[in-house]
């Protein structure tokens, strides 16, 4: 099974909440900073995180495959 890592550039985040709307299970809003943040950055499965990356208007989220485990 592949493993993935979320790369998130908080500085470029505009706080629109799109990632949280499409992937509430792993994205939350920090309303004090008006920024989003991932709950986890190391993942066993991509899940909805790719949708969060694809829909982010600031393009500050990337989901990167880090290794393949033998099956």
N, C-alpha and C. Protein backbone atom coordinates (compact mmCIF):
# COMPACT_ATOMS: atom_id res chain seq x y z
N UNK A 1 0.85 -1.19 0.00
CA UNK A 1 0.00 0.00 0.00
C UNK A 1 0.89 1.24 0.00
N UNK A 2 0.50 2.23 -0.76
CA UNK A 2 1.27 3.46 -0.86
C UNK A 2 1.08 4.32 0.37
N UNK A 3 2.07 5.12 0.64
CA UNK A 3 1.96 6.11 1.73
C UNK A 3 2.08 7.49 1.10
N UNK A 4 1.40 8.43 1.70
CA UNK A 4 1.34 9.79 1.15
C UNK A 4 1.64 10.82 2.24
N UNK A 5 2.08 11.97 1.80
CA UNK A 5 2.35 13.09 2.69
C UNK A 5 1.66 14.32 2.12
N UNK A 6 1.08 15.10 3.01
CA UNK A 6 0.49 16.38 2.59
C UNK A 6 1.53 17.46 2.79
N UNK A 7 1.78 18.20 1.73
CA UNK A 7 2.62 19.39 1.81
C UNK A 7 1.68 20.58 1.73
N UNK A 8 1.75 21.41 2.73
CA UNK A 8 0.82 22.53 2.87
C UNK A 8 1.59 23.81 3.14
N UNK A 9 1.39 24.82 2.31
CA UNK A 9 2.05 26.11 2.47
C UNK A 9 1.09 27.07 3.18
N UNK A 10 1.19 27.09 4.49
CA UNK A 10 0.25 27.91 5.29
C UNK A 10 0.33 29.39 4.93
N UNK A 11 1.50 29.86 4.57
CA UNK A 11 1.68 31.27 4.23
C UNK A 11 0.82 31.67 3.02
N UNK A 12 0.69 30.76 2.05
CA UNK A 12 -0.10 31.05 0.85
C UNK A 12 -1.60 30.81 1.03
N UNK A 13 -1.98 30.15 2.13
CA UNK A 13 -3.39 29.86 2.39
C UNK A 13 -4.18 31.16 2.54
N UNK A 14 -5.32 31.24 1.84
CA UNK A 14 -6.16 32.44 1.90
C UNK A 14 -7.34 32.27 2.86
N UNK A 15 -7.44 31.10 3.49
CA UNK A 15 -8.48 30.89 4.50
C UNK A 15 -9.88 30.78 3.95
N UNK A 16 -10.02 30.33 2.71
CA UNK A 16 -11.35 30.26 2.10
C UNK A 16 -12.19 29.10 2.63
N UNK A 17 -11.53 28.05 3.17
CA UNK A 17 -12.25 26.92 3.75
C UNK A 17 -12.66 25.85 2.76
N UNK A 18 -12.22 25.95 1.51
CA UNK A 18 -12.58 24.95 0.52
C UNK A 18 -12.09 23.56 0.92
N UNK A 19 -10.86 23.47 1.39
CA UNK A 19 -10.31 22.16 1.79
C UNK A 19 -11.15 21.54 2.90
N UNK A 20 -11.55 22.35 3.85
CA UNK A 20 -12.39 21.87 4.95
C UNK A 20 -13.76 21.44 4.45
N UNK A 21 -14.28 22.14 3.46
CA UNK A 21 -15.60 21.80 2.92
C UNK A 21 -15.58 20.48 2.16
N UNK A 22 -14.51 20.20 1.42
CA UNK A 22 -14.47 18.97 0.62
C UNK A 22 -13.82 17.80 1.36
N UNK A 23 -13.09 18.08 2.44
CA UNK A 23 -12.39 17.01 3.17
C UNK A 23 -12.37 17.31 4.67
N UNK A 24 -13.55 17.41 5.23
CA UNK A 24 -13.70 17.75 6.65
C UNK A 24 -13.00 16.75 7.57
N UNK A 25 -12.85 15.51 7.10
CA UNK A 25 -12.22 14.49 7.95
C UNK A 25 -10.74 14.79 8.21
N UNK A 26 -10.08 15.58 7.35
CA UNK A 26 -8.66 15.85 7.59
C UNK A 26 -8.29 17.33 7.57
N UNK A 27 -9.21 18.22 7.28
CA UNK A 27 -8.89 19.65 7.24
C UNK A 27 -9.77 20.41 8.21
N UNK A 28 -9.16 21.33 8.92
CA UNK A 28 -9.90 22.17 9.86
C UNK A 28 -9.44 23.62 9.69
N UNK A 29 -10.28 24.51 10.16
CA UNK A 29 -9.96 25.93 10.07
C UNK A 29 -9.45 26.44 11.41
N UNK A 30 -8.42 27.26 11.35
CA UNK A 30 -7.91 27.99 12.51
C UNK A 30 -8.42 29.41 12.34
N UNK A 31 -9.52 29.71 13.00
CA UNK A 31 -10.18 30.99 12.80
C UNK A 31 -9.41 32.16 13.40
N UNK A 32 -8.53 31.90 14.34
CA UNK A 32 -7.69 32.98 14.87
C UNK A 32 -6.69 33.46 13.82
N UNK A 33 -6.14 32.52 13.06
CA UNK A 33 -5.18 32.85 12.00
C UNK A 33 -5.85 33.05 10.64
N UNK A 34 -7.13 32.67 10.55
CA UNK A 34 -7.86 32.66 9.29
C UNK A 34 -7.12 31.82 8.25
N UNK A 35 -6.71 30.63 8.68
CA UNK A 35 -5.98 29.69 7.83
C UNK A 35 -6.54 28.30 8.07
N UNK A 36 -6.36 27.45 7.08
CA UNK A 36 -6.69 26.03 7.24
C UNK A 36 -5.46 25.30 7.75
N UNK A 37 -5.68 24.05 8.20
CA UNK A 37 -4.55 23.21 8.56
C UNK A 37 -5.00 21.75 8.48
N UNK A 38 -4.07 20.89 8.06
CA UNK A 38 -4.41 19.46 8.04
C UNK A 38 -4.34 18.88 9.44
N UNK A 39 -5.24 17.96 9.74
CA UNK A 39 -5.20 17.26 11.02
C UNK A 39 -4.06 16.25 11.03
N UNK A 40 -3.82 15.62 9.87
CA UNK A 40 -2.71 14.67 9.70
C UNK A 40 -1.99 15.01 8.41
N UNK A 41 -0.68 14.85 8.40
CA UNK A 41 0.08 15.07 7.17
C UNK A 41 0.64 13.78 6.59
N UNK A 42 0.68 12.72 7.39
CA UNK A 42 1.13 11.41 6.91
C UNK A 42 -0.10 10.53 6.75
N UNK A 43 -0.30 9.99 5.55
CA UNK A 43 -1.53 9.27 5.24
C UNK A 43 -1.25 7.89 4.66
N UNK A 44 -2.12 6.94 4.97
CA UNK A 44 -2.07 5.62 4.33
C UNK A 44 -2.78 5.67 2.98
N UNK A 45 -3.83 6.48 2.89
CA UNK A 45 -4.62 6.62 1.67
C UNK A 45 -4.82 8.10 1.38
N UNK A 46 -4.96 8.42 0.12
CA UNK A 46 -5.16 9.81 -0.29
C UNK A 46 -6.52 10.31 0.19
N UNK A 47 -7.55 9.49 0.00
CA UNK A 47 -8.89 9.89 0.40
C UNK A 47 -9.31 11.19 -0.27
N UNK A 48 -10.03 12.00 0.47
CA UNK A 48 -10.53 13.27 -0.08
C UNK A 48 -9.47 14.36 -0.09
N UNK A 49 -8.27 14.07 0.39
CA UNK A 49 -7.22 15.09 0.42
C UNK A 49 -6.82 15.55 -0.98
N UNK A 50 -6.90 14.65 -1.97
CA UNK A 50 -6.61 15.08 -3.34
C UNK A 50 -7.67 16.04 -3.84
N UNK A 51 -8.93 15.83 -3.44
CA UNK A 51 -9.99 16.78 -3.79
C UNK A 51 -9.71 18.15 -3.16
N UNK A 52 -9.22 18.14 -1.92
CA UNK A 52 -8.87 19.41 -1.27
C UNK A 52 -7.77 20.11 -2.04
N UNK A 53 -6.75 19.37 -2.47
CA UNK A 53 -5.65 19.96 -3.24
C UNK A 53 -6.14 20.46 -4.59
N UNK A 54 -6.95 19.66 -5.27
CA UNK A 54 -7.43 20.04 -6.61
C UNK A 54 -8.34 21.26 -6.58
N UNK A 55 -9.06 21.45 -5.48
CA UNK A 55 -10.02 22.56 -5.40
C UNK A 55 -9.49 23.79 -4.69
N UNK A 56 -8.29 23.74 -4.16
CA UNK A 56 -7.73 24.88 -3.44
C UNK A 56 -7.42 26.03 -4.41
N UNK A 57 -8.08 27.18 -4.26
CA UNK A 57 -7.83 28.29 -5.19
C UNK A 57 -6.44 28.91 -5.03
N UNK A 58 -5.80 28.71 -3.89
CA UNK A 58 -4.46 29.26 -3.67
C UNK A 58 -3.36 28.27 -4.06
N UNK A 59 -3.75 27.05 -4.45
CA UNK A 59 -2.78 26.01 -4.83
C UNK A 59 -1.71 25.81 -3.78
N UNK A 60 -2.10 25.77 -2.51
CA UNK A 60 -1.12 25.63 -1.43
C UNK A 60 -1.12 24.25 -0.80
N UNK A 61 -1.83 23.28 -1.41
CA UNK A 61 -1.88 21.91 -0.91
C UNK A 61 -1.37 20.97 -1.99
N UNK A 62 -0.47 20.08 -1.59
CA UNK A 62 0.00 19.02 -2.49
C UNK A 62 -0.05 17.70 -1.74
N UNK A 63 -0.49 16.65 -2.43
CA UNK A 63 -0.45 15.31 -1.88
C UNK A 63 0.64 14.57 -2.63
N UNK A 64 1.65 14.10 -1.88
CA UNK A 64 2.84 13.51 -2.47
C UNK A 64 2.95 12.04 -2.05
N UNK A 65 3.17 11.18 -3.02
CA UNK A 65 3.40 9.77 -2.74
C UNK A 65 4.84 9.63 -2.24
N UNK A 66 5.03 9.01 -1.07
CA UNK A 66 6.37 8.94 -0.49
C UNK A 66 6.99 7.55 -0.56
N UNK A 67 6.22 6.49 -0.63
CA UNK A 67 6.81 5.16 -0.77
C UNK A 67 5.76 4.14 -1.12
N UNK A 68 6.19 3.07 -1.73
CA UNK A 68 5.33 1.92 -1.99
C UNK A 68 5.76 0.79 -1.07
N UNK A 69 4.83 0.18 -0.40
CA UNK A 69 5.11 -0.97 0.44
C UNK A 69 4.85 -2.22 -0.37
N UNK A 70 5.69 -3.24 -0.24
CA UNK A 70 5.43 -4.49 -0.96
C UNK A 70 4.14 -5.16 -0.48
N UNK A 71 3.42 -5.75 -1.39
CA UNK A 71 2.14 -6.39 -1.02
C UNK A 71 2.33 -7.85 -0.76
